[in-house]
Protein backbone atom coordinates (compact mmCIF):
# COMPACT_ATOMS: atom_id res chain seq x y z
CA MET A 1 27.75 11.94 -7.61
CA THR A 2 25.02 12.20 -5.07
CA ASN A 3 23.58 8.63 -4.20
CA LEU A 4 19.94 7.94 -3.68
CA ARG A 5 18.46 5.90 -0.99
CA PRO A 6 15.58 3.67 -1.75
CA PHE A 7 12.09 3.21 -0.75
CA ALA A 8 11.13 3.55 2.93
CA PRO A 9 8.38 1.14 3.71
CA PHE A 10 8.63 1.46 7.52
CA ALA A 11 5.01 2.33 7.44
CA ALA A 12 3.90 -1.25 7.69
CA ALA A 13 5.82 -1.87 10.77
CA LEU A 14 4.55 1.44 12.32
CA ALA A 15 1.01 0.50 11.97
CA LEU A 16 1.54 -2.88 13.43
CA GLY A 17 3.19 -1.39 16.43
CA LEU A 18 0.37 1.16 16.76
CA GLY A 19 -2.30 -1.53 16.81
CA ALA A 20 -0.24 -3.69 19.19
CA CYS A 21 -0.45 -0.96 21.87
CA ALA A 22 -4.20 -1.15 21.49
CA GLN A 23 -5.87 -0.67 24.97
CA PRO A 24 -3.92 -1.93 28.06
CA ALA A 25 -5.80 -1.76 31.13
CA ALA A 26 -4.95 -0.30 34.63
CA GLU A 27 -4.43 -2.61 37.55
CA GLY A 28 -7.64 -3.46 39.44
CA THR A 29 -10.42 -5.87 39.42
CA ALA A 30 -11.47 -7.60 36.22
CA ALA A 31 -14.53 -5.31 35.96
CA ASP A 32 -12.26 -2.35 36.42
CA GLN A 33 -9.85 -3.69 33.78
CA ALA A 34 -12.53 -4.30 31.31
CA SER A 35 -13.75 -0.88 31.74
CA SER A 36 -10.31 0.58 31.26
CA VAL A 37 -9.65 -1.33 28.09
CA THR A 38 -12.38 0.53 26.27
CA GLU A 39 -12.04 3.95 27.85
CA GLY A 40 -10.68 6.65 25.60
CA ALA A 41 -8.26 6.36 22.76
CA TRP A 42 -4.47 6.20 22.31
CA THR A 43 -2.66 8.76 20.11
CA LEU A 44 0.83 8.43 18.66
CA ASP A 45 3.37 10.90 20.37
CA PRO A 46 5.39 12.12 17.19
CA VAL A 47 8.05 13.82 19.29
CA THR A 48 9.32 10.63 21.06
CA SER A 49 8.35 8.15 18.18
CA ARG A 50 11.06 7.08 15.60
CA LEU A 51 10.66 5.00 12.46
CA SER A 52 13.50 4.06 10.12
CA TYR A 53 14.90 1.83 7.42
CA VAL A 54 18.21 0.92 6.26
CA SER A 55 19.07 1.19 2.47
CA ILE A 56 21.97 -0.56 0.55
CA LYS A 57 23.44 1.00 -2.44
CA ALA A 58 26.22 -0.50 -4.80
CA GLY A 59 25.81 -3.70 -3.05
CA GLU A 60 27.58 -2.86 0.31
CA ILE A 61 27.03 0.71 1.47
CA ALA A 62 24.34 1.03 4.13
CA GLU A 63 22.63 4.17 5.02
CA SER A 64 20.02 5.10 7.57
CA ASN A 65 16.76 6.78 6.41
CA GLY A 66 13.34 7.87 7.99
CA PHE A 67 10.33 9.96 7.99
CA GLU A 68 9.85 13.02 10.25
CA LYS A 69 6.12 13.40 10.27
CA LEU A 70 3.78 10.39 11.68
CA SER A 71 0.43 10.54 13.15
CA GLY A 72 -2.00 7.92 14.28
CA SER A 73 -4.37 6.63 16.88
CA VAL A 74 -6.00 3.47 18.30
CA ALA A 75 -9.78 3.83 18.88
CA ALA A 76 -11.52 2.42 22.14
CA ASP A 77 -12.82 -0.64 19.83
CA GLY A 78 -9.20 -1.40 18.73
CA THR A 79 -9.42 0.21 15.35
CA ALA A 80 -5.85 1.49 14.61
CA SER A 81 -4.51 3.75 11.89
CA ILE A 82 -1.38 5.68 11.01
CA GLU A 83 -0.65 8.13 8.37
CA ILE A 84 2.91 8.66 7.11
CA ASP A 85 3.78 12.22 5.53
CA LEU A 86 5.72 10.93 2.54
CA ALA A 87 6.99 14.53 1.89
CA SER A 88 8.81 14.29 5.30
CA VAL A 89 11.32 11.56 4.02
CA ALA A 90 14.69 12.15 5.50
CA THR A 91 17.76 10.87 3.77
CA GLY A 92 20.31 13.36 4.88
CA VAL A 93 20.85 14.76 1.48
CA ASP A 94 18.48 17.52 0.08
CA ILE A 95 18.64 16.22 -3.47
CA ARG A 96 17.90 12.71 -2.44
CA ASN A 97 14.83 14.00 -0.43
CA GLU A 98 13.50 15.79 -3.35
CA ARG A 99 13.96 12.82 -5.68
CA MET A 100 12.31 10.46 -3.25
CA ARG A 101 9.38 12.97 -2.98
CA ASP A 102 8.90 13.66 -6.51
CA ILE A 103 10.04 10.53 -8.32
CA PHE A 104 9.68 7.69 -5.99
CA PHE A 105 6.57 8.54 -3.97
CA GLN A 106 5.14 11.11 -6.31
CA VAL A 107 3.76 13.10 -3.31
CA ALA A 108 1.73 15.56 -5.27
CA ASP A 109 -0.77 12.76 -5.98
CA ASN A 110 0.23 10.52 -3.14
CA PRO A 111 0.86 12.46 0.04
CA THR A 112 0.54 9.92 2.49
CA ALA A 113 0.93 6.26 3.25
CA VAL A 114 -1.77 4.60 5.32
CA VAL A 115 -1.58 1.72 7.70
CA ALA A 116 -4.58 0.14 9.18
CA ALA A 117 -5.07 -2.76 11.78
CA LYS A 118 -7.89 -4.20 13.87
CA LEU A 119 -6.91 -5.29 17.44
CA ASP A 120 -8.54 -7.08 20.13
CA PRO A 121 -8.45 -4.80 23.28
CA ALA A 122 -9.16 -7.63 25.59
CA ALA A 123 -5.67 -9.18 24.63
CA PHE A 124 -3.87 -6.29 26.53
CA ALA A 125 -6.22 -5.95 29.37
CA GLY A 126 -3.80 -7.20 32.21
CA LEU A 127 -0.76 -5.21 31.28
CA ALA A 128 0.40 -3.27 34.28
CA VAL A 129 2.74 -0.41 34.59
CA GLY A 130 6.27 -1.80 33.98
CA GLN A 131 5.12 -4.89 32.27
CA SER A 132 5.79 -6.07 28.73
CA LEU A 133 4.36 -8.63 26.28
CA THR A 134 4.93 -9.81 22.73
CA ARG A 135 2.18 -10.20 20.11
CA PRO A 136 2.01 -11.34 16.53
CA LEU A 137 0.05 -8.78 14.48
CA LYS A 138 -1.21 -8.14 10.98
CA ALA A 139 -1.74 -4.76 9.41
CA THR A 140 -2.60 -3.40 5.91
CA LEU A 141 -0.21 -0.89 4.28
CA THR A 142 -1.39 1.26 1.31
CA ILE A 143 1.13 3.19 -0.53
CA LYS A 144 0.26 4.89 -4.04
CA GLY A 145 -3.06 2.94 -4.14
CA VAL A 146 -1.42 -0.42 -3.78
CA GLU A 147 -2.35 -2.42 -0.58
CA GLN A 148 -0.48 -5.16 1.09
CA GLU A 149 -0.81 -7.15 4.23
CA ILE A 150 2.18 -7.20 6.59
CA GLU A 151 2.78 -9.53 9.59
CA THR A 152 5.31 -8.84 12.25
CA GLU A 153 5.74 -9.47 16.06
CA VAL A 154 6.00 -6.52 18.56
CA LEU A 155 7.13 -6.01 22.21
CA VAL A 156 4.54 -3.79 24.06
CA THR A 157 5.59 -2.18 27.22
CA ARG A 158 3.16 -0.22 29.67
CA ALA A 159 5.60 2.67 30.41
CA ALA A 160 3.09 4.52 32.63
CA GLU A 161 -0.57 4.61 33.36
CA THR A 162 -1.50 6.48 30.10
CA ARG A 163 1.70 5.71 27.94
CA VAL A 164 2.64 2.53 26.09
CA THR A 165 5.92 2.03 23.99
CA VAL A 166 6.18 -0.32 21.12
CA VAL A 167 9.14 -1.91 19.44
CA PRO A 168 9.70 -4.71 16.95
CA THR A 169 11.23 -7.97 18.06
CA ALA A 170 13.10 -8.27 14.67
CA PRO A 171 13.42 -6.02 11.68
CA VAL A 172 10.47 -6.11 9.18
CA ILE A 173 11.71 -6.69 5.72
CA ILE A 174 9.68 -5.05 2.83
CA THR A 175 10.52 -4.95 -0.98
CA THR A 176 9.59 -2.45 -3.74
CA ASP A 177 7.98 -5.07 -5.72
CA MET A 178 5.20 -5.43 -3.00
CA PHE A 179 4.06 -1.94 -3.97
CA ASP A 180 4.85 -1.77 -7.74
CA LEU A 181 7.75 0.53 -7.04
CA THR A 182 10.48 -1.40 -8.85
CA ASP A 183 10.46 0.97 -11.96
CA GLU A 184 10.74 4.08 -9.77
CA LEU A 185 13.63 2.43 -7.84
CA GLY A 186 15.23 1.98 -11.29
CA GLU A 187 14.91 5.68 -12.24
CA LEU A 188 16.49 6.74 -8.79
CA ARG A 189 19.41 4.38 -9.51
CA ALA A 190 19.91 5.66 -12.96
CA LEU A 191 19.88 9.34 -11.83
CA ALA A 192 22.41 8.64 -9.32
CA GLN A 193 24.56 6.60 -11.64
CA LEU A 194 24.91 3.66 -9.09
CA PRO A 195 25.30 -0.10 -10.12
CA SER A 196 22.42 -1.07 -7.81
CA ILE A 197 20.10 0.02 -5.07
CA THR A 198 18.85 -3.18 -3.10
CA PRO A 199 15.07 -3.31 -3.39
CA ALA A 200 14.65 -4.88 -0.05
CA VAL A 201 14.82 -2.94 3.28
CA PRO A 202 14.86 -3.85 7.00
CA VAL A 203 12.42 -1.51 9.00
CA THR A 204 12.68 -0.63 12.69
CA PHE A 205 10.77 1.68 15.09
CA THR A 206 10.18 2.86 18.39
CA LEU A 207 6.68 4.12 19.08
CA ALA A 208 5.20 5.84 21.98
CA PHE A 209 1.30 6.23 22.52
CA THR A 210 -0.59 8.23 25.11
CA ARG A 211 -4.09 7.56 26.13
CA THR A 212 -6.76 10.18 26.12
CA GLN A 213 -9.37 9.62 28.70
CA GLN A 214 -13.16 9.83 27.83
CA GLN A 215 -14.78 12.97 29.41
């Protein structure tokens, strides 16, 4: 019998990471740094970014899941947003993907999950190439019209002059009841004839952002 994997709420962590990379400044004088912080925007690199979650079925079988299409940006003023294409859910089995799309996320009416955050660009002004820092962050995740505030801590690394990477310092735990998805999870469990699908999942991610200079 085909088993289903539950809700993938990694989106919250994704946005938090996105916001965290806000606007690291180049090395130089204080005036140069202040200018660099607000110069241009940061765009998510979908090719090198990864976001995944682990589901547990029947109380003991853990499986890795994720989404294949992510997009996002951080504006010069620190406004961050990310969209997750819910139809791109990847569980490793076609029938599971179909049921997640049609039954759980109902992508025909809810094609994307949206995460938003507001960052202080000055908090990252002194981050030089090769340096890292950790920051606690808050973001808002909206799925199927339900909005929740999520908190986490991320490690931000200035990989290059115009590139920043972001990873969580610990997995982010999100549950289906946060987004009124418990009934949908139950439907998936019944279809797969499973005794249980755990409603809480740990989310991890590796995000890369590149900066676009103003013309």
